[in-house]
């Protein structure tokens, strides 16, 4: 993990970056929850997402929105944070010009920002939205949602209403040409206390399945070709995870 600083529209942006050792590895951008309620890139859910993508062979970046940690600027409740995410994705892509796939994953407020970025960037192939605040924020901009993805929600969430998120997932999944999976962790609260390993496994299994669908393994008799081995080198087995703090 490398500490990075790059320029945003409000000044310096602070991030943590992992560079995959696999040529052409997919990339993932991770967005943290609401800054005014203590959300940072070191949040345990954010770190779990970051670790999961790292363990799956991705090059992955998490960063602090403006005004958080060493990132400069002031909170803007949407527009500024979307600008930060756009710059972060540009930076990540500049570091990985040969990446085969581009994913975005966000938690709570970060999920709302990430899905807005999804609508503006056709280069994003898939998404993970953890506890998107559908009871507080307007998600009508997902009309239509441009790509498939996964929505995860805790059944005991005291901040985001589970039924509202389930209805959002159902509505999106009814659109043509995409599949939006919905995973409910029935005992999970908003912070996924005691369920971070479950969250890790749900995300990891979904990512593995989605990557395999986009890069199916060719079945041949005899020894597998080296090129096929390379396609699957970025999809290791799911391992356990520990949180940063």
Protein backbone atom coordinates (compact mmCIF):
# COMPACT_ATOMS: atom_id res chain seq x y z
CA UNK A 1 0.00 0.00 0.00
CA UNK A 2 1.38 3.37 -1.07
CA UNK A 3 0.45 6.83 0.18
CA UNK A 4 -0.31 9.07 -2.79
CA UNK A 5 -1.15 12.73 -3.35
CA UNK A 6 -2.62 14.10 -6.57
CA UNK A 7 -4.15 17.39 -7.63
CA UNK A 8 -7.91 17.94 -7.54
CA UNK A 9 -10.03 20.96 -8.40
CA UNK A 10 -10.01 22.10 -4.75
CA UNK A 11 -6.34 21.31 -4.16
CA UNK A 12 -4.40 18.27 -3.04
CA UNK A 13 -6.19 14.89 -2.65
CA UNK A 14 -4.81 12.24 -0.30
CA UNK A 15 -5.11 8.56 -1.14
CA UNK A 16 -3.87 5.03 -0.54
CA UNK A 17 -3.00 2.98 -3.59
CA UNK A 18 -2.16 -0.64 -4.38
CA UNK A 19 -0.58 -1.47 -7.73
CA UNK A 20 -1.29 -4.97 -8.98
CA UNK A 21 1.63 -7.07 -10.14
CA UNK A 22 -0.47 -8.48 -12.99
CA UNK A 23 -0.13 -6.71 -16.37
CA UNK A 24 -3.48 -5.38 -17.55
CA UNK A 25 -5.12 -6.03 -14.18
CA UNK A 26 -8.55 -4.46 -13.61
CA UNK A 27 -8.87 -1.32 -11.50
CA UNK A 28 -11.21 -0.33 -8.68
CA UNK A 29 -11.96 3.02 -7.03
CA UNK A 30 -13.33 3.01 -3.46
CA UNK A 31 -15.40 5.92 -2.06
CA UNK A 32 -15.89 6.57 1.67
CA UNK A 33 -19.00 7.56 3.67
CA UNK A 34 -20.22 11.00 4.74
CA UNK A 35 -17.33 13.27 5.79
CA UNK A 36 -19.46 15.24 8.26
CA UNK A 37 -20.23 12.06 10.20
CA UNK A 38 -16.66 10.87 10.49
CA UNK A 39 -16.35 9.21 7.09
CA UNK A 40 -12.79 8.76 5.81
CA UNK A 41 -10.86 6.40 3.57
CA UNK A 42 -9.78 4.54 6.75
CA UNK A 43 -13.38 3.53 7.55
CA UNK A 44 -13.56 -0.22 8.24
CA UNK A 45 -16.10 -0.93 5.49
CA UNK A 46 -14.03 1.06 2.99
CA UNK A 47 -10.89 -0.79 4.04
CA UNK A 48 -12.69 -4.12 3.68
CA UNK A 49 -13.70 -3.23 0.11
CA UNK A 50 -10.16 -2.03 -0.65
CA UNK A 51 -8.64 -5.23 0.74
CA UNK A 52 -11.07 -7.44 -1.17
CA UNK A 53 -10.23 -5.88 -4.54
CA UNK A 54 -6.52 -5.92 -3.70
CA UNK A 55 -6.67 -9.62 -2.81
CA UNK A 56 -8.43 -10.31 -6.12
CA UNK A 57 -5.51 -8.85 -8.06
CA UNK A 58 -6.91 -5.40 -8.84
CA UNK A 59 -5.02 -2.14 -8.81
CA UNK A 60 -7.11 -0.22 -6.29
CA UNK A 61 -7.33 3.32 -4.95
CA UNK A 62 -9.17 4.77 -1.95
CA UNK A 63 -8.93 8.47 -1.12
CA UNK A 64 -10.22 11.19 1.17
CA UNK A 65 -12.83 13.57 -0.19
CA UNK A 66 -12.04 17.28 0.00
CA UNK A 67 -11.65 18.60 3.52
CA UNK A 68 -10.93 15.15 4.99
CA UNK A 69 -7.50 14.20 6.34
CA UNK A 70 -4.81 15.77 4.19
CA UNK A 71 -7.18 16.44 1.28
CA UNK A 72 -7.67 20.15 0.71
CA UNK A 73 -10.92 22.01 0.15
CA UNK A 74 -14.30 22.09 1.88
CA UNK A 75 -17.27 19.70 1.97
CA UNK A 76 -19.87 20.38 -0.76
CA UNK A 77 -22.43 17.60 -0.17
CA UNK A 78 -22.19 16.16 -3.65
CA UNK A 79 -20.82 18.32 -6.48
CA UNK A 80 -17.34 18.76 -5.05
CA UNK A 81 -17.06 15.15 -3.95
CA UNK A 82 -18.15 13.99 -7.42
CA UNK A 83 -15.40 16.19 -8.85
CA UNK A 84 -12.90 14.56 -6.47
CA UNK A 85 -14.03 11.08 -7.55
CA UNK A 86 -13.69 12.04 -11.22
CA UNK A 87 -10.12 13.25 -10.68
CA UNK A 88 -9.29 10.14 -8.65
CA UNK A 89 -10.56 7.87 -11.40
CA UNK A 90 -8.55 9.80 -13.99
CA UNK A 91 -5.43 9.36 -11.85
CA UNK A 92 -6.08 5.63 -11.38
CA UNK A 93 -6.57 5.13 -15.10
CA UNK A 94 -3.42 7.10 -15.90
CA UNK A 95 -1.50 4.64 -13.72
CA UNK A 96 -3.13 1.65 -15.44
CA UNK A 97 -3.67 2.47 -19.13
CA UNK A 98 -3.92 -1.22 -20.06
CA UNK A 99 -6.55 -2.15 -17.44
CA UNK A 100 -9.15 -4.56 -18.81
CA UNK A 101 -11.95 -3.50 -16.47
CA UNK A 102 -12.88 -0.50 -14.33
CA UNK A 103 -14.95 -0.90 -11.16
CA UNK A 104 -16.31 1.58 -8.64
CA UNK A 105 -17.32 0.74 -5.07
CA UNK A 106 -18.86 3.10 -2.54
CA UNK A 107 -20.24 2.93 0.97
CA UNK A 108 -23.25 5.01 2.11
CA UNK A 109 -22.61 8.61 0.95
CA UNK A 110 -19.77 7.21 -1.16
CA UNK A 111 -22.21 4.87 -2.91
CA UNK A 112 -24.40 7.84 -3.87
CA UNK A 113 -21.40 9.74 -5.26
CA UNK A 114 -20.08 6.62 -6.98
CA UNK A 115 -23.33 5.91 -8.79
CA UNK A 116 -23.40 9.50 -10.04
CA UNK A 117 -19.89 8.98 -11.39
CA UNK A 118 -21.10 5.77 -13.01
CA UNK A 119 -23.64 7.76 -15.04
CA UNK A 120 -20.92 10.08 -16.33
CA UNK A 121 -18.23 7.55 -17.16
CA UNK A 122 -19.06 4.83 -19.71
CA UNK A 123 -15.61 3.35 -19.05
CA UNK A 124 -16.87 1.98 -15.69
CA UNK A 125 -17.84 -1.67 -16.21
CA UNK A 126 -19.42 -2.61 -12.89
CA UNK A 127 -20.25 -1.26 -9.44
CA UNK A 128 -20.61 -2.19 -5.77
CA UNK A 129 -22.96 -0.01 -3.68
CA UNK A 130 -22.93 -0.73 0.06
CA UNK A 131 -25.84 0.79 2.03
CA UNK A 132 -26.73 3.46 -0.56
CA UNK A 133 -28.74 6.15 1.34
CA UNK A 134 -31.89 5.77 -0.75
CA UNK A 135 -34.07 7.10 2.08
CA UNK A 136 -32.15 10.41 2.12
CA UNK A 137 -30.74 10.95 -1.37
CA UNK A 138 -32.36 11.00 -4.80
CA UNK A 139 -31.30 8.09 -7.02
CA UNK A 140 -33.67 8.88 -9.89
CA UNK A 141 -30.65 9.81 -12.02
CA UNK A 142 -30.13 6.06 -12.59
CA UNK A 143 -32.50 6.14 -15.55
CA UNK A 144 -31.37 3.96 -17.04
CA UNK A 145 -28.54 2.47 -14.98
CA UNK A 146 -25.74 1.97 -17.53
CA UNK A 147 -24.18 -1.23 -16.20
CA UNK A 148 -24.77 -4.20 -13.93
CA UNK A 149 -23.70 -4.22 -10.32
CA UNK A 150 -24.30 -5.30 -6.73
CA UNK A 151 -26.17 -3.53 -3.93
CA UNK A 152 -25.52 -4.69 -0.35
CA UNK A 153 -27.62 -3.72 2.65
CA UNK A 154 -27.68 -4.53 6.36
CA UNK A 155 -31.02 -5.73 7.65
CA UNK A 156 -30.52 -3.98 11.01
CA UNK A 157 -29.30 -0.70 9.54
CA UNK A 158 -30.39 2.14 11.83
CA UNK A 159 -29.48 4.89 9.31
CA UNK A 160 -30.41 3.58 5.85
CA UNK A 161 -33.85 1.94 5.59
CA UNK A 162 -33.39 -1.63 4.26
CA UNK A 163 -36.78 -1.81 2.51
CA UNK A 164 -36.09 1.40 0.58
CA UNK A 165 -32.74 0.05 -0.63
CA UNK A 166 -34.37 -3.26 -1.59
CA UNK A 167 -36.94 -1.35 -3.65
CA UNK A 168 -34.15 0.62 -5.36
CA UNK A 169 -32.38 -2.61 -6.29
CA UNK A 170 -35.64 -4.12 -7.57
CA UNK A 171 -36.37 -1.05 -9.68
CA UNK A 172 -32.88 -1.03 -11.20
CA UNK A 173 -32.97 -4.76 -11.87
CA UNK A 174 -36.16 -4.28 -13.87
CA UNK A 175 -34.29 -2.22 -16.46
CA UNK A 176 -33.26 -3.84 -19.71
CA UNK A 177 -29.82 -5.24 -20.50
CA UNK A 178 -28.45 -5.10 -16.94
CA UNK A 179 -28.57 -7.23 -13.79
CA UNK A 180 -28.40 -5.58 -10.39
CA UNK A 181 -27.93 -8.15 -7.64
CA UNK A 182 -29.15 -7.44 -4.10
CA UNK A 183 -27.55 -8.97 -1.01
CA UNK A 184 -29.16 -8.50 2.42
CA UNK A 185 -27.02 -9.17 5.49
CA UNK A 186 -29.95 -9.68 7.83
CA UNK A 187 -28.01 -9.12 11.06
CA UNK A 188 -25.83 -6.31 9.71
CA UNK A 189 -26.09 -2.76 11.06
CA UNK A 190 -24.94 0.33 9.20
CA UNK A 191 -21.31 -0.19 10.21
CA UNK A 192 -21.45 -3.97 9.55
CA UNK A 193 -20.09 -4.58 13.03
CA UNK A 194 -19.29 -8.27 13.37
CA UNK A 195 -20.06 -8.82 9.68
CA UNK A 196 -17.08 -7.37 7.82
CA UNK A 197 -15.88 -10.85 6.84
CA UNK A 198 -19.36 -11.62 5.49
CA UNK A 199 -19.26 -8.37 3.52
CA UNK A 200 -15.82 -9.27 2.16
CA UNK A 201 -17.03 -12.67 0.99
CA UNK A 202 -20.19 -11.31 -0.68
CA UNK A 203 -18.22 -8.69 -2.59
CA UNK A 204 -15.42 -11.10 -3.50
CA UNK A 205 -17.72 -13.82 -4.80
CA UNK A 206 -19.67 -11.30 -6.86
CA UNK A 207 -16.52 -9.80 -8.37
CA UNK A 208 -15.13 -13.23 -9.24
CA UNK A 209 -18.40 -14.18 -10.93
CA UNK A 210 -18.63 -10.91 -12.85
CA UNK A 211 -15.01 -11.01 -14.04
CA UNK A 212 -15.45 -14.60 -15.23
CA UNK A 213 -18.58 -13.59 -17.17
CA UNK A 214 -16.66 -10.83 -18.95
CA UNK A 215 -13.60 -13.05 -19.50
CA UNK A 216 -14.92 -16.62 -19.74
CA UNK A 217 -12.39 -19.42 -19.50
CA UNK A 218 -11.99 -21.31 -22.76
CA UNK A 219 -12.38 -25.05 -22.36
CA UNK A 220 -9.84 -27.08 -24.29
CA UNK A 221 -8.61 -30.62 -24.05
CA UNK A 222 -5.13 -31.09 -22.68
CA UNK A 223 -2.99 -28.42 -21.13
CA UNK A 224 -4.40 -24.93 -20.79
CA UNK A 225 -2.74 -22.24 -22.86
CA UNK A 226 -0.58 -19.63 -21.17
CA UNK A 227 -2.91 -16.85 -22.32
CA UNK A 228 -5.80 -18.50 -20.51
CA UNK A 229 -3.72 -18.71 -17.36
CA UNK A 230 -3.04 -15.01 -17.63
CA UNK A 231 -6.75 -14.20 -17.88
CA UNK A 232 -7.40 -15.97 -14.59
CA UNK A 233 -4.28 -14.79 -12.78
CA UNK A 234 -6.23 -11.81 -11.39
CA UNK A 235 -8.94 -14.00 -9.83
CA UNK A 236 -7.41 -15.79 -6.80
CA UNK A 237 -9.38 -17.58 -4.10
CA UNK A 238 -11.23 -15.44 -1.55
CA UNK A 239 -9.19 -15.04 1.65
CA UNK A 240 -10.00 -13.63 5.06
CA UNK A 241 -9.50 -9.94 5.78
CA UNK A 242 -8.55 -7.67 8.65
CA UNK A 243 -9.63 -4.05 9.01
CA UNK A 244 -7.27 -1.12 9.23
CA UNK A 245 -8.76 0.43 12.35
